[in-house]
Protein backbone atom coordinates (compact mmCIF):
# COMPACT_ATOMS: atom_id res chain seq x y z
CA MET A 1 -14.40 86.59 172.45
CA ALA A 2 -15.65 90.16 172.88
CA LEU A 3 -15.21 91.90 176.21
CA ASP A 4 -17.56 94.35 177.90
CA PHE A 5 -15.14 97.22 178.55
CA PRO A 6 -15.95 100.02 181.02
CA ASN A 7 -17.90 102.98 179.71
CA ALA A 8 -16.34 106.46 179.80
CA PRO A 9 -12.76 105.31 180.49
CA VAL A 10 -9.96 107.74 181.29
CA SER A 11 -6.53 107.75 179.68
CA GLY A 12 -4.23 105.16 181.24
CA GLN A 13 -7.07 103.14 182.76
CA VAL A 14 -6.40 99.39 182.88
CA PHE A 15 -9.23 96.87 182.54
CA ASN A 16 -8.48 93.41 183.93
CA PRO A 17 -11.60 91.21 183.65
CA GLY A 18 -9.85 88.24 185.23
CA GLY A 19 -8.80 85.02 183.58
CA VAL A 20 -8.10 86.74 180.26
CA PRO A 21 -5.55 89.32 179.07
CA ALA A 22 -6.03 92.83 180.34
CA TRP A 23 -6.23 96.10 178.42
CA GLN A 24 -5.24 99.74 178.75
CA TYR A 25 -6.99 102.86 177.42
CA ASP A 26 -4.69 105.39 175.69
CA GLY A 27 -7.19 108.25 175.61
CA THR A 28 -8.85 107.26 172.33
CA LYS A 29 -8.99 103.46 172.22
CA TRP A 30 -8.40 100.26 174.15
CA GLY A 31 -5.37 98.12 173.34
CA PRO A 32 -3.70 95.04 174.83
CA TYR A 33 -1.69 95.81 177.94
CA ALA A 34 1.65 94.07 177.35
CA GLY A 35 2.31 92.87 180.84
CA GLY A 36 1.54 90.11 183.29
CA VAL A 37 -1.52 89.47 185.39
CA SER A 38 -1.78 92.30 187.91
CA GLY A 39 0.72 91.83 190.71
CA ALA A 40 1.97 88.48 189.39
CA PHE A 41 5.20 87.46 187.71
CA VAL A 42 5.42 86.25 184.13
CA TYR A 43 8.34 83.94 183.34
CA LEU A 44 10.32 85.36 180.41
CA GLY A 45 13.38 83.17 180.04
CA THR A 46 16.61 81.84 181.54
CA LEU A 47 20.24 82.90 181.14
CA THR A 48 22.57 79.91 181.52
CA ALA A 49 26.28 80.26 182.23
CA ASN A 50 28.97 78.10 180.65
CA ALA A 51 32.34 79.72 181.31
CA SER A 52 30.59 82.95 180.28
CA ALA A 53 32.24 86.36 180.33
CA GLN A 54 28.82 87.89 180.98
CA LEU A 55 25.12 87.13 180.90
CA ASP A 56 22.97 89.86 179.30
CA TRP A 57 19.21 90.35 179.36
CA THR A 58 18.22 92.78 176.62
CA SER A 59 14.40 92.91 176.69
CA LEU A 60 13.15 95.35 179.32
CA SER A 61 10.52 97.40 177.49
CA LEU A 62 7.27 95.54 178.23
CA TYR A 63 7.15 95.37 182.03
CA ASP A 64 7.12 97.77 184.95
CA ALA A 65 9.59 95.74 187.02
CA PHE A 66 11.74 92.62 186.71
CA MET A 67 12.87 89.87 189.01
CA PHE A 68 16.11 88.04 188.35
CA GLU A 69 16.34 84.76 190.24
CA LEU A 70 19.97 83.74 190.67
CA VAL A 71 20.34 79.96 190.88
CA ASN A 72 23.78 78.73 191.99
CA VAL A 73 25.83 81.19 189.93
CA VAL A 74 29.41 79.91 190.40
CA PRO A 75 32.50 81.86 189.31
CA THR A 76 35.36 80.07 187.62
CA THR A 77 37.90 81.35 190.15
CA ASP A 78 37.79 80.67 193.89
CA GLY A 79 38.55 83.96 195.57
CA GLY A 80 41.86 85.24 194.35
CA ALA A 81 42.05 88.83 193.17
CA SER A 82 40.18 91.51 195.05
CA THR A 83 37.88 91.92 192.07
CA ASN A 84 36.34 88.44 192.09
CA TYR A 85 32.69 89.18 192.81
CA LEU A 86 29.40 89.22 190.91
CA GLN A 87 28.05 92.53 189.65
CA MET A 88 25.00 93.79 187.81
CA LEU A 89 25.48 96.58 185.26
CA PHE A 90 22.92 98.76 183.47
CA GLN A 91 22.93 99.63 179.78
CA VAL A 92 21.97 103.30 179.45
CA GLY A 93 22.27 105.25 176.22
CA GLY A 94 23.49 102.15 174.39
CA THR A 95 26.48 101.55 176.72
CA PHE A 96 26.92 99.32 179.76
CA GLN A 97 27.89 101.74 182.50
CA THR A 98 30.88 100.87 184.72
CA ALA A 99 30.84 103.89 187.05
CA SER A 100 28.42 106.22 188.88
CA TYR A 101 26.66 103.54 190.92
CA ALA A 102 25.67 103.72 194.57
CA SER A 103 25.76 100.08 195.70
CA LEU A 104 25.58 98.54 199.15
CA LEU A 105 25.67 95.01 200.53
CA VAL A 106 24.46 94.70 204.12
CA GLY A 107 24.68 91.37 205.91
CA GLY A 108 27.35 89.08 207.20
CA LEU A 109 29.43 85.96 207.13
CA ALA A 110 28.16 83.27 209.46
CA ALA A 111 29.89 83.20 212.88
CA ALA A 112 32.53 85.65 211.72
CA THR A 113 31.19 89.03 210.68
CA PRO A 114 28.92 91.07 212.96
CA ALA A 115 25.36 91.62 211.79
CA GLY A 116 25.06 94.84 209.88
CA ALA A 117 28.41 94.63 208.16
CA PHE A 118 28.47 96.29 204.76
CA GLU A 119 30.47 96.81 201.60
CA ALA A 120 29.96 99.67 199.15
CA ASP A 121 31.04 100.12 195.54
CA GLY A 122 30.55 102.56 192.67
CA SER A 123 31.49 100.41 189.67
CA GLY A 124 28.27 98.40 189.56
CA VAL A 125 25.55 96.90 191.75
CA ASN A 126 27.34 94.26 193.84
CA LEU A 127 25.59 90.91 194.19
CA SER A 128 28.28 89.09 196.20
CA GLY A 129 31.09 90.05 198.56
CA TYR A 130 34.68 91.00 197.84
CA GLY A 131 36.42 92.61 200.81
CA THR A 132 37.25 92.18 204.44
CA GLN A 133 33.61 91.97 205.47
CA PHE A 134 32.56 89.08 203.23
CA TYR A 135 35.83 87.76 201.77
CA GLN A 136 36.04 86.82 198.11
CA THR A 137 33.29 84.92 196.36
CA GLY A 138 34.09 81.21 196.21
CA ASN A 139 33.52 78.63 193.51
CA ALA A 140 32.46 75.62 195.54
CA ALA A 141 30.20 73.40 193.43
CA GLY A 142 26.56 73.77 194.37
CA GLN A 143 27.25 76.79 196.59
CA GLY A 144 27.24 79.68 194.14
CA VAL A 145 25.36 82.95 194.39
CA SER A 146 21.61 82.44 194.78
CA GLY A 147 18.85 84.92 195.51
CA GLN A 148 16.29 87.30 194.08
CA ILE A 149 17.14 90.68 192.58
CA PHE A 150 14.47 93.22 191.62
CA LEU A 151 14.95 95.94 189.01
CA HIS A 152 12.40 98.74 189.43
CA ALA A 153 10.88 100.91 186.67
CA PRO A 154 13.64 100.54 184.06
CA ASN A 155 11.57 102.39 181.44
CA GLY A 156 10.97 105.56 183.43
CA THR A 157 12.93 108.77 182.90
CA ALA A 158 12.17 110.72 186.09
CA ASN A 159 14.24 108.82 188.69
CA TYR A 160 17.47 106.89 189.19
CA LYS A 161 17.11 103.18 188.37
CA SER A 162 17.32 101.03 191.49
CA VAL A 163 17.89 97.41 192.42
CA THR A 164 16.87 95.67 195.64
CA GLY A 165 17.00 92.06 196.78
CA SER A 166 18.71 89.45 198.86
CA VAL A 167 21.44 86.93 198.09
CA ARG A 168 23.37 84.03 199.58
CA TRP A 169 26.75 82.66 198.49
CA ARG A 170 29.75 80.67 199.68
CA ALA A 171 32.90 82.67 200.33
CA GLN A 172 36.30 81.55 199.11
CA ALA A 173 37.99 78.50 200.60
CA GLY A 174 39.47 79.13 204.01
CA ALA A 175 37.19 82.03 204.90
CA SER A 176 36.46 82.20 208.62
CA GLY A 177 33.06 81.28 209.96
CA GLY A 178 32.50 78.49 207.46
CA GLY A 179 32.11 80.82 204.49
CA ASN A 180 28.31 81.03 204.36
CA ALA A 181 27.43 84.63 203.54
CA THR A 182 24.07 86.35 203.21
CA ALA A 183 23.30 89.95 202.40
CA THR A 184 20.63 92.42 201.42
CA VAL A 185 21.29 94.12 198.08
CA GLY A 186 20.61 97.77 197.37
CA GLY A 187 21.92 99.87 194.54
CA SER A 188 21.22 102.57 191.96
CA TYR A 189 22.79 103.98 188.86
CA VAL A 190 23.14 107.67 189.70
CA GLY A 191 24.82 108.83 186.50
CA GLY A 192 21.49 109.86 184.97
CA THR A 193 17.82 108.99 184.75
CA GLY A 194 17.76 107.50 181.25
CA ILE A 195 15.92 104.32 180.33
CA VAL A 196 17.72 101.06 181.13
CA THR A 197 17.61 99.00 177.95
CA ALA A 198 19.57 95.93 179.15
CA VAL A 199 21.28 94.48 182.21
CA ARG A 200 24.52 92.52 182.44
CA PHE A 201 25.70 90.03 185.06
CA ALA A 202 29.47 89.64 185.15
CA MET A 203 32.40 89.02 187.47
CA LYS A 204 34.14 92.24 188.42
CA GLY A 205 37.62 92.29 186.92
CA GLY A 206 36.92 90.11 183.91
CA GLY A 207 36.66 86.63 185.38
CA THR A 208 34.13 84.22 183.92
CA ILE A 209 30.98 82.61 185.29
CA ALA A 210 31.48 78.85 185.23
CA THR A 211 27.95 77.58 185.79
CA GLY A 212 24.55 78.66 187.04
CA GLN A 213 21.30 80.15 185.83
CA ILE A 214 19.50 83.47 186.06
CA ARG A 215 15.76 83.13 185.57
CA VAL A 216 13.99 86.30 184.42
CA TYR A 217 10.43 87.34 185.29
CA GLY A 218 8.41 90.42 184.35
CA LEU A 219 5.97 92.11 186.70
CA ALA A 220 3.06 94.30 185.55
CA MET A 221 2.40 96.56 188.51
CA GLN A 222 -0.73 98.23 187.07
CA GLY A 223 -2.50 95.10 185.89
CA GLY A 224 -2.12 93.42 182.58
CA GLY A 225 -2.02 90.28 180.53
CA VAL A 226 -0.24 88.60 177.70
CA VAL A 227 -0.57 90.14 174.27
CA LEU A 228 -3.44 88.63 172.35
CA PRO A 229 -2.78 86.75 169.12
CA ALA A 230 -3.48 88.22 165.71
CA GLY A 231 -7.19 88.34 164.92
CA ALA A 232 -8.34 88.89 168.51
CA PRO A 233 -10.99 91.64 168.84
CA VAL A 234 -10.16 94.83 170.71
CA LEU A 235 -12.97 97.16 171.75
CA VAL A 236 -12.02 100.58 170.39
CA GLN A 237 -15.11 102.46 171.59
CA ARG A 238 -18.64 101.86 172.82
CA GLN A 239 -21.46 104.39 172.63
CA ASP A 240 -24.82 103.93 174.34
CA VAL A 241 -27.67 106.08 173.03
CA THR A 242 -30.43 106.73 175.55
CA SER A 243 -31.84 109.97 174.08
CA VAL A 244 -32.37 110.92 170.46
CA VAL A 245 -29.25 111.67 168.36
CA ALA A 246 -28.88 112.37 164.66
CA ALA A 247 -26.03 109.87 164.16
CA VAL A 248 -23.40 107.75 165.89
CA SER A 249 -19.85 108.16 164.57
CA PHE A 250 -16.47 106.48 165.15
CA ALA A 251 -12.91 107.42 164.19
CA VAL A 252 -10.86 104.74 162.41
CA ASP A 253 -7.19 104.64 161.41
CA ALA A 254 -4.31 102.33 160.49
CA THR A 255 -4.11 100.77 163.95
CA TYR A 256 -6.18 97.87 162.65
CA ASP A 257 -6.61 96.38 159.19
CA GLU A 258 -10.00 94.89 160.10
CA TYR A 259 -12.84 96.65 161.91
CA GLU A 260 -16.18 95.38 163.12
CA LEU A 261 -19.02 97.71 164.08
CA SER A 262 -21.80 96.05 166.09
CA PHE A 263 -25.08 97.46 167.32
CA PHE A 264 -27.96 96.13 169.40
CA GLY A 265 -31.07 97.41 171.12
CA PHE A 266 -31.49 99.85 168.22
CA ARG A 267 -34.70 101.73 167.45
CA PRO A 268 -35.12 104.81 165.20
CA SER A 269 -37.41 107.80 165.70
CA GLY A 270 -39.37 106.91 162.55
CA ASP A 271 -39.89 103.92 160.26
CA GLN A 272 -36.87 103.96 157.98
CA GLN A 273 -33.58 102.26 157.17
CA LEU A 274 -30.31 102.53 159.08
CA ALA A 275 -27.38 103.47 156.82
CA LEU A 276 -23.60 103.91 156.95
CA GLN A 277 -21.59 106.85 155.64
CA VAL A 278 -17.85 107.62 155.60
CA SER A 279 -15.68 110.68 156.21
CA GLN A 280 -12.23 111.66 154.97
CA ASP A 281 -11.64 114.51 157.43
CA GLY A 282 -12.27 112.90 160.78
CA GLY A 283 -16.01 113.55 160.76
CA ALA A 284 -15.90 117.27 160.05
CA THR A 285 -17.89 116.49 156.89
CA TRP A 286 -19.50 113.32 155.59
CA ARG A 287 -19.66 111.82 152.13
CA ALA A 288 -23.42 112.07 151.70
CA GLY A 289 -23.85 112.47 147.95
CA THR A 290 -25.07 109.78 145.57
CA GLU A 291 -21.79 107.89 145.85
CA TYR A 292 -22.64 104.55 147.48
CA GLN A 293 -24.07 101.28 146.28
CA TYR A 294 -25.31 98.27 148.22
CA SER A 295 -27.28 95.06 147.92
CA PHE A 296 -28.68 92.51 150.34
CA LEU A 297 -30.81 89.41 150.68
CA TYR A 298 -33.59 89.34 153.23
CA PHE A 299 -35.71 86.67 154.85
CA ALA A 300 -39.01 87.81 156.36
CA SER A 301 -41.02 85.96 159.01
CA ASN A 302 -44.56 87.25 158.46
CA THR A 303 -44.69 86.35 154.77
CA ALA A 304 -42.31 83.39 154.98
CA SER A 305 -40.60 84.83 151.95
CA ALA A 306 -37.21 85.98 150.77
CA GLY A 307 -36.04 88.65 148.38
CA TYR A 308 -33.22 90.95 147.47
CA VAL A 309 -32.61 94.67 147.34
CA GLY A 310 -30.06 96.44 145.20
CA SER A 311 -29.35 100.14 144.90
CA THR A 312 -26.76 102.37 143.23
CA GLY A 313 -26.16 106.08 143.56
CA THR A 314 -27.42 106.39 147.13
CA SER A 315 -26.33 108.67 149.98
CA GLY A 316 -25.30 105.78 152.21
CA ILE A 317 -25.12 102.00 152.50
CA GLY A 318 -28.50 100.65 153.60
CA LEU A 319 -28.10 98.10 156.39
CA THR A 320 -31.43 96.95 157.77
CA GLY A 321 -34.30 97.45 155.44
CA THR A 322 -37.01 99.55 157.05
CA GLN A 323 -36.90 99.27 160.85
CA TYR A 324 -40.08 99.72 162.87
CA SER A 325 -39.90 102.72 165.20
CA GLY A 326 -42.59 101.70 167.68
CA GLY A 327 -42.31 99.49 170.75
CA THR A 328 -39.30 97.86 172.36
CA ALA A 329 -39.88 94.13 171.93
CA THR A 330 -38.16 93.75 168.56
CA LEU A 331 -35.21 96.11 168.53
CA ALA A 332 -32.68 95.79 165.72
CA SER A 333 -29.15 94.41 165.95
CA GLY A 334 -26.33 93.69 163.55
CA THR A 335 -22.66 93.70 162.60
CA ILE A 336 -20.79 95.57 159.87
CA LYS A 337 -17.26 94.60 158.81
CA PHE A 338 -14.78 96.68 156.82
CA TYR A 339 -11.10 96.54 156.00
CA GLN A 340 -8.01 98.80 155.74
CA PRO A 341 -9.79 102.15 155.98
CA ALA A 342 -6.46 104.02 156.07
CA VAL A 343 -5.33 102.61 152.71
CA VAL A 344 -5.68 104.96 149.75
CA LYS A 345 -7.83 103.03 147.29
CA SER A 346 -10.93 103.18 145.16
CA GLY A 347 -13.91 101.31 146.56
CA HIS A 348 -13.93 100.86 150.34
CA THR A 349 -16.22 97.89 150.93
CA PHE A 350 -18.45 96.84 153.80
CA GLN A 351 -20.15 93.54 154.68
CA PHE A 352 -23.10 93.37 157.04
CA ALA A 353 -25.56 91.03 158.73
CA THR A 354 -28.50 92.56 160.58
CA TYR A 355 -31.80 91.61 162.17
CA CYS A 356 -34.66 94.07 162.24
CA HIS A 357 -38.43 94.46 162.56
CA ASN A 358 -39.91 95.61 159.28
CA PRO A 359 -43.38 97.14 159.78
CA SER A 360 -44.67 95.42 156.62
CA VAL A 361 -43.17 91.94 156.59
CA GLY A 362 -42.21 91.46 160.25
CA LEU A 363 -38.96 90.16 161.69
CA THR A 364 -36.34 90.19 158.96
CA THR A 365 -32.84 88.78 158.59
CA VAL A 366 -30.59 90.77 156.25
CA ASN A 367 -27.22 89.79 154.72
CA GLY A 368 -25.44 92.07 152.29
CA GLY A 369 -22.61 94.33 151.30
CA GLY A 370 -21.90 97.78 149.95
CA SER A 371 -19.21 100.18 148.83
CA TRP A 372 -18.23 103.84 148.85
CA LEU A 373 -17.09 104.31 145.27
CA SER A 374 -16.65 108.05 144.77
CA GLY A 375 -13.02 108.98 144.27
CA VAL A 376 -9.79 107.46 145.55
CA GLY A 377 -8.62 107.92 149.11
CA ALA A 378 -8.48 106.76 152.71
CA ILE A 379 -11.34 107.08 155.16
CA ASN A 380 -10.86 107.99 158.81
CA ALA A 381 -14.37 107.95 160.26
CA VAL A 382 -17.67 106.12 159.79
CA ARG A 383 -21.13 106.89 161.07
CA LEU A 384 -24.54 105.31 161.33
CA VAL A 385 -27.40 107.57 160.31
CA MET A 386 -31.04 107.18 159.30
CA PHE A 387 -32.34 107.58 155.77
CA GLY A 388 -35.32 109.89 155.50
CA GLY A 389 -34.10 112.45 158.02
CA PHE A 390 -35.07 110.41 161.07
CA ASN A 391 -32.92 110.06 164.20
CA ILE A 392 -31.51 107.25 166.32
CA ALA A 393 -33.73 106.97 169.39
CA VAL A 394 -31.98 104.26 171.38
CA GLY A 395 -29.26 101.64 170.99
CA SER A 396 -25.75 100.50 171.86
CA PHE A 397 -22.95 100.73 169.30
CA CYS A 398 -19.50 99.11 169.63
CA LEU A 399 -16.48 99.44 167.34
CA TYR A 400 -13.89 96.63 167.47
CA GLY A 401 -10.54 96.34 165.78
CA ARG A 402 -8.93 93.00 165.06
CA ARG A 403 -5.35 92.88 166.26
CA LYS A 404 -2.76 92.50 163.51
């Protein structure tokens, strides 16, 4: 399925057509935006505890924010040492950091602790209580730590990485007020502004997590969609010609192995054939000597006949047969396919199917192929130009790449 992307996009612009994956413009081309539907969560996976020393999530590169849903995370030990509480640690610079946090729990223990009680810590982001305000975290079955924790902008480098959220847990046996604790979570790693490449959930002090799950979701804040499968078309560039131009050119590179150049609504300034040429220096110059060959079959409506055309030693690959330059009722259209332009090889080949209005034989269907055969090398630009020195008067031209 081809998408009608916005004209004249700016770098960083996201296009979300709705119901399909979204795309982002990098300043030269559109590519899949590797995120979720704008403002919505995408389920990524679940961490499941089984007497686990820690639970690590190591894939943080594709989303702008993450939500970790804690579902009945129960420690092995009920209370006990003053270090029996759940923490979240950040991996920065390849190491899980155990200092330089600013962490705060604000909440209370039902019927025992006044509203607004808090506990602070610098060894990690605390997700359950440990001290005189909340008591130790208990291990009552079915009453573990539950809640939602948000990690914001882990891939940025300008600011400290922060966590917010809310949690509920059961305090250790014998805690006053029945042991039901709730709190708001807030915390940051303030030891630097480096990218967070992984997060770890663990019991402070080395205890294990007996049971429970942590479900992980990604959030694309700018808009986005799942990455398209291999072979899906990506609009690289669209050009709409409304006044006469000598040619329409496109840059190509190794981003895609397969390219497809489509045009429609095309009319030249004079009766002549549309052709394709290549460049090896980004369009500064064009290979326009007698170094192409092409052939095609055509089927004409006025004469109810068919034929073929073959040519060697031409200045371009002929694509349409002669296209009528007058009127607007029968404008030409077509598609050209080519492969691995960035590969150094002899004989870059092109396949094409076009439909045009020949002034002699009428509406004509053309199917063919051609090659640039002069020398060995990569190509990094293609252009459509008229034989005979004529210009392109009107038309729309779209270059697609097929995702690897």
